[in-house]
């Protein structure tokens, strides 16, 4: 089931991305020869007008064949409708349209999610008020008392009990937890939590030195979150803000990873490929339809940001070439761009193999 959900999400997001290229190319008077989902071998195709619409066997991507976009393609007739004979600002619009389409899809998804109702951090939204506010564990410090007890990110804290005195309290705010824990250094505390709808009791012993606060702690980061449900007109506005925030944070995260990769400090085990994403989709599906939509919005944003990277074989790489051509006022040699794109594609495939390998290793641990 998770792989089917993943393929449906991928189908929608890839079609949206490629439709962005397709739509702007068509509107700009550029001929589009093929619109395809997946990679060959071809399963079936339909030709409508001048464009062939193909569905291929490997549903791991997609592409559009725009007349004249391939620098090695020989332009024979119909010159005015080729990609290379359009002004560079038009070429840039066509290249960036796929990225814009993925951002638009994320915005639509966030709007839909907010209309249905989504969990949001207290103070993390501009419009509306939260209901059913809970204290949520967002991160567990490795090797901490909380980690040793089995606490995980996503757990909802419900109550606290001093195992020695029997004193207990329900958790309403972050301050409830920090105050209760700080007063019980070295004493066992039973923390009642909800994990995926199932209630559990975990015993932890606070100690000093876990954080820089100078107070006893158990090694968790927390947030107050609740349900945010908005009327459609406010959902559109809040959806735009959520899309912007997640796009910025995703870009910072990806470019930080790339910097670490260049400097030799990247941890590829922390990156998920198709196998890892299928697992994550499965986890999201267990938590409901809204979580699947949220996950799809995040994937759409990731696709947009990754494609913006100025790397050969990505939209950002092609856009970078256009910028160079604008500066030198002439096209780059076709053989050079084709060679660079081939190397870039090979590098991306190698990275995908490495990431998938780590995904598979994680499945057996």
Protein backbone atom coordinates (compact mmCIF):
# COMPACT_ATOMS: atom_id res chain seq x y z
CA UNK A 1 0.00 0.00 0.00
CA UNK A 2 2.73 2.59 0.86
CA UNK A 3 4.42 2.06 -2.52
CA UNK A 4 1.09 2.64 -4.32
CA UNK A 5 0.54 5.87 -2.38
CA UNK A 6 4.11 6.92 -3.14
CA UNK A 7 3.68 6.25 -6.87
CA UNK A 8 0.42 8.24 -6.93
CA UNK A 9 2.14 11.17 -5.16
CA UNK A 10 5.10 10.93 -7.54
CA UNK A 11 2.78 10.77 -10.55
CA UNK A 12 0.94 13.94 -9.50
CA UNK A 13 4.09 15.89 -8.63
CA UNK A 14 6.04 14.86 -11.73
CA UNK A 15 3.10 15.62 -14.03
CA UNK A 16 2.74 19.01 -12.32
CA UNK A 17 6.46 19.76 -12.76
CA UNK A 18 6.57 18.69 -16.40
CA UNK A 19 3.25 20.39 -17.14
CA UNK A 20 4.86 23.63 -15.96
CA UNK A 21 7.54 23.28 -18.67
CA UNK A 22 4.93 22.10 -21.17
CA UNK A 23 2.43 24.90 -20.51
CA UNK A 24 4.91 27.78 -20.67
CA UNK A 25 6.64 26.31 -23.74
CA UNK A 26 3.31 26.01 -25.55
CA UNK A 27 2.24 29.51 -24.49
CA UNK A 28 5.58 30.85 -25.73
CA UNK A 29 5.08 29.31 -29.17
CA UNK A 30 7.66 26.54 -28.70
CA UNK A 31 6.92 23.11 -30.13
CA UNK A 32 6.67 20.26 -27.62
CA UNK A 33 7.33 16.86 -29.21
CA UNK A 34 6.67 14.57 -26.22
CA UNK A 35 5.20 14.66 -22.72
CA UNK A 36 6.09 11.51 -20.75
CA UNK A 37 5.70 10.14 -17.25
CA UNK A 38 8.36 7.68 -16.18
CA UNK A 39 11.35 6.44 -18.14
CA UNK A 40 11.44 3.85 -20.97
CA UNK A 41 10.58 1.19 -21.92
CA UNK A 42 7.38 2.73 -23.21
CA UNK A 43 4.10 1.11 -22.19
CA UNK A 44 1.76 3.11 -24.40
CA UNK A 45 1.46 6.51 -26.03
CA UNK A 46 -1.12 8.73 -27.68
CA UNK A 47 -0.38 11.48 -30.19
CA UNK A 48 -2.56 14.57 -30.06
CA UNK A 49 -1.67 17.31 -32.48
CA UNK A 50 2.10 17.66 -32.65
CA UNK A 51 2.75 16.20 -29.17
CA UNK A 52 3.08 12.54 -28.17
CA UNK A 53 1.83 11.72 -24.65
CA UNK A 54 3.68 8.65 -23.33
CA UNK A 55 3.45 6.49 -20.20
CA UNK A 56 6.64 4.54 -19.51
CA UNK A 57 7.40 1.49 -17.37
CA UNK A 58 9.72 3.06 -14.78
CA UNK A 59 7.61 5.48 -12.68
CA UNK A 60 10.57 7.30 -11.12
CA UNK A 61 10.42 10.57 -12.99
CA UNK A 62 9.24 12.10 -16.21
CA UNK A 63 10.20 14.49 -18.97
CA UNK A 64 9.04 16.71 -21.81
CA UNK A 65 10.87 16.84 -25.12
CA UNK A 66 10.90 20.46 -26.18
CA UNK A 67 11.93 21.08 -29.76
CA UNK A 68 15.44 22.51 -29.85
CA UNK A 69 16.13 22.27 -26.10
CA UNK A 70 18.70 19.50 -26.67
CA UNK A 71 21.79 21.47 -27.78
CA UNK A 72 22.89 18.60 -30.04
CA UNK A 73 19.55 18.41 -31.87
CA UNK A 74 19.68 19.49 -35.50
CA UNK A 75 17.02 22.12 -36.19
CA UNK A 76 15.37 21.27 -39.48
CA UNK A 77 12.61 23.70 -40.37
CA UNK A 78 10.15 25.24 -37.92
CA UNK A 79 13.09 27.33 -36.67
CA UNK A 80 10.95 30.02 -35.08
CA UNK A 81 9.30 27.41 -32.83
CA UNK A 82 12.53 25.95 -31.47
CA UNK A 83 13.69 26.53 -27.91
CA UNK A 84 17.14 27.80 -28.87
CA UNK A 85 15.75 30.47 -31.20
CA UNK A 86 13.61 32.08 -28.51
CA UNK A 87 14.93 35.01 -26.40
CA UNK A 88 16.84 33.88 -23.34
CA UNK A 89 14.23 35.34 -20.99
CA UNK A 90 11.65 33.06 -22.64
CA UNK A 91 14.02 30.09 -22.29
CA UNK A 92 14.45 30.95 -18.60
CA UNK A 93 10.69 31.06 -18.06
CA UNK A 94 10.29 27.62 -19.65
CA UNK A 95 13.10 26.12 -17.52
CA UNK A 96 11.87 27.65 -14.24
CA UNK A 97 8.20 26.83 -14.90
CA UNK A 98 8.55 23.29 -13.54
CA UNK A 99 9.93 24.61 -10.27
CA UNK A 100 7.13 27.18 -10.05
CA UNK A 101 4.57 24.42 -10.70
CA UNK A 102 5.83 22.37 -7.74
CA UNK A 103 5.67 25.42 -5.46
CA UNK A 104 2.11 26.07 -6.68
CA UNK A 105 1.12 22.45 -5.96
CA UNK A 106 2.55 22.76 -2.42
CA UNK A 107 0.51 25.95 -1.91
CA UNK A 108 -2.67 24.23 -3.11
CA UNK A 109 -2.00 21.25 -0.83
CA UNK A 110 -1.35 23.45 2.22
CA UNK A 111 -4.55 25.38 1.46
CA UNK A 112 -6.51 22.12 1.34
CA UNK A 113 -4.84 20.82 4.52
CA UNK A 114 -5.62 24.02 6.42
CA UNK A 115 -9.22 23.87 5.25
CA UNK A 116 -9.51 20.31 6.61
CA UNK A 117 -7.42 21.05 9.72
CA UNK A 118 -3.70 20.51 10.40
CA UNK A 119 -1.46 20.42 13.44
CA UNK A 120 0.44 23.68 13.84
CA UNK A 121 2.88 25.09 16.37
CA UNK A 122 1.58 27.69 18.84
CA UNK A 123 2.65 31.04 17.43
CA UNK A 124 3.51 29.40 14.11
CA UNK A 125 0.54 30.76 12.20
CA UNK A 126 -0.71 34.21 11.27
CA UNK A 127 -4.43 33.50 10.93
CA UNK A 128 -6.87 31.64 13.16
CA UNK A 129 -6.55 30.10 16.62
CA UNK A 130 -5.52 26.59 17.63
CA UNK A 131 -7.73 24.04 19.33
CA UNK A 132 -6.73 20.88 21.24
CA UNK A 133 -3.27 22.24 22.11
CA UNK A 134 -0.82 19.52 23.23
CA UNK A 135 2.83 19.37 24.30
CA UNK A 136 4.74 17.57 21.57
CA UNK A 137 8.24 16.04 21.71
CA UNK A 138 10.07 17.38 18.65
CA UNK A 139 13.55 15.96 19.24
CA UNK A 140 15.26 13.47 21.55
CA UNK A 141 18.95 13.93 22.35
CA UNK A 142 20.99 10.85 21.54
CA UNK A 143 22.22 9.05 24.66
CA UNK A 144 19.98 11.12 26.97
CA UNK A 145 17.73 9.62 29.70
CA UNK A 146 14.74 10.17 27.39
CA UNK A 147 16.46 8.30 24.53
CA UNK A 148 17.44 5.45 26.84
CA UNK A 149 13.82 5.20 28.00
CA UNK A 150 12.64 4.91 24.38
CA UNK A 151 11.09 8.34 23.87
CA UNK A 152 10.77 9.49 20.24
CA UNK A 153 10.06 12.65 18.31
CA UNK A 154 6.33 12.98 17.71
CA UNK A 155 5.33 11.67 21.14
CA UNK A 156 2.60 13.71 22.86
CA UNK A 157 3.18 14.27 26.60
CA UNK A 158 0.05 13.69 28.65
CA UNK A 159 1.14 13.47 32.27
CA UNK A 160 4.01 13.30 34.78
CA UNK A 161 4.35 11.32 38.01
CA UNK A 162 7.07 11.34 40.66
CA UNK A 163 7.70 7.63 41.20
CA UNK A 164 9.07 8.27 44.71
CA UNK A 165 6.34 10.48 46.18
CA UNK A 166 3.47 9.57 43.88
CA UNK A 167 2.84 13.24 43.04
CA UNK A 168 1.35 13.52 39.56
CA UNK A 169 0.10 16.19 37.19
CA UNK A 170 -1.35 16.46 33.70
CA UNK A 171 0.72 18.26 31.07
CA UNK A 172 -0.78 21.44 29.64
CA UNK A 173 2.24 23.62 28.79
CA UNK A 174 5.99 23.37 28.19
CA UNK A 175 6.56 25.02 31.56
CA UNK A 176 4.69 22.18 33.28
CA UNK A 177 7.28 19.72 32.03
CA UNK A 178 10.44 21.79 32.55
CA UNK A 179 9.46 22.82 36.10
CA UNK A 180 8.47 19.29 37.16
CA UNK A 181 11.65 17.75 35.70
CA UNK A 182 14.02 20.46 37.02
CA UNK A 183 12.88 19.82 40.61
CA UNK A 184 13.67 16.08 40.50
CA UNK A 185 17.33 15.51 39.76
CA UNK A 186 18.22 11.85 40.14
CA UNK A 187 14.62 10.85 40.89
CA UNK A 188 12.63 8.54 38.61
CA UNK A 189 9.72 10.20 36.79
CA UNK A 190 6.99 8.35 34.95
CA UNK A 191 6.12 10.22 31.76
CA UNK A 192 2.76 9.28 30.25
CA UNK A 193 2.65 9.86 26.51
CA UNK A 194 0.62 9.11 23.44
CA UNK A 195 2.38 7.60 20.42
CA UNK A 196 0.33 7.14 17.27
CA UNK A 197 -2.80 7.06 19.40
CA UNK A 198 -1.47 4.46 21.85
CA UNK A 199 -0.79 5.52 25.48
CA UNK A 200 2.50 4.48 27.10
CA UNK A 201 4.36 5.06 30.37
CA UNK A 202 8.13 5.61 30.26
CA UNK A 203 10.41 6.06 33.28
CA UNK A 204 13.20 8.64 33.04
CA UNK A 205 15.71 10.04 35.56
CA UNK A 206 16.61 13.73 35.12
CA UNK A 207 20.22 14.76 35.45
CA UNK A 208 22.42 17.83 35.19
CA UNK A 209 24.66 18.63 32.25
CA UNK A 210 22.35 17.50 29.47
CA UNK A 211 21.58 21.07 28.42
CA UNK A 212 23.24 24.45 28.96
CA UNK A 213 20.36 25.66 31.14
CA UNK A 214 22.08 24.60 34.35
CA UNK A 215 18.95 22.69 35.37
CA UNK A 216 18.25 18.95 35.48
CA UNK A 217 16.76 17.68 32.22
CA UNK A 218 15.88 14.46 30.40
CA UNK A 219 17.11 15.44 26.91
CA UNK A 220 14.05 16.39 24.89
CA UNK A 221 13.02 19.40 22.82
CA UNK A 222 9.32 20.24 22.95
CA UNK A 223 6.72 22.41 21.31
CA UNK A 224 3.09 23.28 21.92
CA UNK A 225 0.94 22.38 18.92
CA UNK A 226 -2.74 22.19 18.18
CA UNK A 227 -5.28 21.85 15.41
CA UNK A 228 -5.52 24.78 13.00
CA UNK A 229 -8.62 24.86 10.80
CA UNK A 230 -9.36 27.89 8.62
CA UNK A 231 -12.07 29.09 6.21
CA UNK A 232 -10.95 28.85 2.60
CA UNK A 233 -10.02 32.53 2.14
CA UNK A 234 -7.72 32.45 5.20
CA UNK A 235 -6.45 28.98 4.27
CA UNK A 236 -5.20 30.42 0.97
CA UNK A 237 -3.26 33.16 2.77
CA UNK A 238 -1.90 30.90 5.52
CA UNK A 239 -1.08 28.27 2.89
CA UNK A 240 1.07 30.80 1.06
CA UNK A 241 2.95 31.62 4.27
CA UNK A 242 3.44 27.93 5.10
CA UNK A 243 4.73 27.30 1.58
CA UNK A 244 7.22 30.16 1.90
CA UNK A 245 8.42 29.04 5.34
CA UNK A 246 8.91 25.40 4.34
CA UNK A 247 10.58 26.38 1.06
CA UNK A 248 13.10 28.57 2.87
CA UNK A 249 13.83 25.96 5.55
CA UNK A 250 14.14 23.22 2.91
CA UNK A 251 16.53 25.34 0.83
CA UNK A 252 18.68 26.11 3.88
CA UNK A 253 18.78 22.41 4.80
CA UNK A 254 19.66 21.19 1.30
CA UNK A 255 22.31 23.80 0.65
CA UNK A 256 23.82 23.15 4.08
CA UNK A 257 24.01 19.44 3.18
CA UNK A 258 25.65 20.28 -0.16
CA UNK A 259 28.21 22.46 1.60
CA UNK A 260 28.99 19.61 3.98
CA UNK A 261 29.21 17.21 1.03
CA UNK A 262 31.74 19.46 -0.72
CA UNK A 263 33.79 19.80 2.47
CA UNK A 264 33.63 16.03 3.10
CA UNK A 265 31.46 16.17 6.25
CA UNK A 266 28.08 15.08 4.85
CA UNK A 267 26.28 12.14 6.42
CA UNK A 268 24.53 10.31 3.58
CA UNK A 269 22.78 8.05 6.11
CA UNK A 270 20.55 11.01 7.00
CA UNK A 271 19.31 11.39 3.41
CA UNK A 272 16.34 9.36 2.16
CA UNK A 273 15.89 8.06 -1.37
CA UNK A 274 12.89 6.27 -2.93
CA UNK A 275 13.04 3.34 -0.49
CA UNK A 276 13.17 5.61 2.55
CA UNK A 277 10.42 7.85 1.17
CA UNK A 278 8.12 4.85 0.65
CA UNK A 279 8.60 3.98 4.33
CA UNK A 280 7.91 7.57 5.38
CA UNK A 281 4.77 7.65 3.21
CA UNK A 282 3.62 4.47 4.93
CA UNK A 283 4.09 6.09 8.35
CA UNK A 284 2.22 9.20 7.19
CA UNK A 285 -0.63 7.08 5.81
CA UNK A 286 -1.08 5.43 9.23
CA UNK A 287 -1.69 8.89 10.71
CA UNK A 288 -4.38 9.80 8.21
CA UNK A 289 -5.17 11.46 4.88
CA UNK A 290 -4.08 14.94 6.01
CA UNK A 291 -0.60 13.67 6.86
CA UNK A 292 -0.27 12.12 3.39
CA UNK A 293 -1.21 15.49 1.86
CA UNK A 294 1.29 17.25 4.12
CA UNK A 295 4.02 14.79 3.13
CA UNK A 296 3.18 15.32 -0.56
CA UNK A 297 3.47 19.10 -0.10
CA UNK A 298 6.92 18.67 1.46
CA UNK A 299 8.05 16.38 -1.38
CA UNK A 300 6.80 18.94 -3.92
CA UNK A 301 8.83 21.68 -2.20
CA UNK A 302 11.88 19.41 -2.10
CA UNK A 303 11.55 18.74 -5.84
CA UNK A 304 11.36 22.48 -6.51
CA UNK A 305 14.40 23.33 -4.38
CA UNK A 306 16.52 20.41 -5.65
CA UNK A 307 15.75 21.35 -9.27
CA UNK A 308 16.86 24.91 -8.56
CA UNK A 309 20.39 23.75 -7.69
CA UNK A 310 22.77 24.93 -10.45
CA UNK A 311 23.93 21.38 -11.21
CA UNK A 312 24.09 19.77 -14.68
CA UNK A 313 21.04 17.67 -15.63
CA UNK A 314 18.81 19.70 -13.28
CA UNK A 315 16.65 22.70 -14.23
CA UNK A 316 18.98 24.92 -12.19
CA UNK A 317 21.94 23.73 -14.26
CA UNK A 318 20.20 24.57 -17.52
CA UNK A 319 19.20 27.97 -16.11
CA UNK A 320 22.82 28.55 -15.12
CA UNK A 321 23.91 27.84 -18.71
CA UNK A 322 21.37 30.38 -19.96
CA UNK A 323 22.80 32.99 -17.59
CA UNK A 324 26.33 32.28 -18.90
CA UNK A 325 25.11 32.55 -22.50
CA UNK A 326 23.46 35.88 -21.67
CA UNK A 327 26.75 37.19 -20.29
CA UNK A 328 28.97 36.00 -23.16
CA UNK A 329 26.22 36.81 -25.72
CA UNK A 330 26.54 33.55 -27.61
CA UNK A 331 25.45 29.92 -27.17
CA UNK A 332 27.77 27.54 -25.36
CA UNK A 333 29.25 24.76 -27.55
CA UNK A 334 26.62 22.03 -27.90
CA UNK A 335 29.12 19.22 -27.32
CA UNK A 336 30.35 20.82 -24.11
CA UNK A 337 26.87 21.27 -22.60
CA UNK A 338 25.87 17.72 -23.65
CA UNK A 339 29.06 16.31 -22.10
CA UNK A 340 28.59 18.26 -18.86
CA UNK A 341 24.93 17.20 -18.63
CA UNK A 342 25.88 13.55 -19.13
CA UNK A 343 28.42 13.72 -16.32
CA UNK A 344 25.89 15.49 -14.12
CA UNK A 345 23.26 12.83 -14.79
CA UNK A 346 25.75 10.05 -14.02
CA UNK A 347 26.67 11.79 -10.74
CA UNK A 348 22.98 12.05 -9.77
CA UNK A 349 22.46 8.36 -10.50
CA UNK A 350 25.51 7.49 -8.37
CA UNK A 351 24.15 9.61 -5.53
CA UNK A 352 20.77 7.88 -5.85
CA UNK A 353 22.46 4.46 -5.65
CA UNK A 354 24.38 5.48 -2.51
CA UNK A 355 21.27 6.90 -0.82
CA UNK A 356 19.17 3.85 -1.79
CA UNK A 357 21.88 1.56 -0.40
CA UNK A 358 21.70 3.36 2.96
CA UNK A 359 17.88 3.18 2.83
CA UNK A 360 18.05 -0.59 2.43
CA UNK A 361 20.61 -0.94 5.22
CA UNK A 362 18.26 0.99 7.55
CA UNK A 363 15.46 -1.50 6.81
CA UNK A 364 17.50 -4.28 8.40
CA UNK A 365 18.44 -2.34 11.55
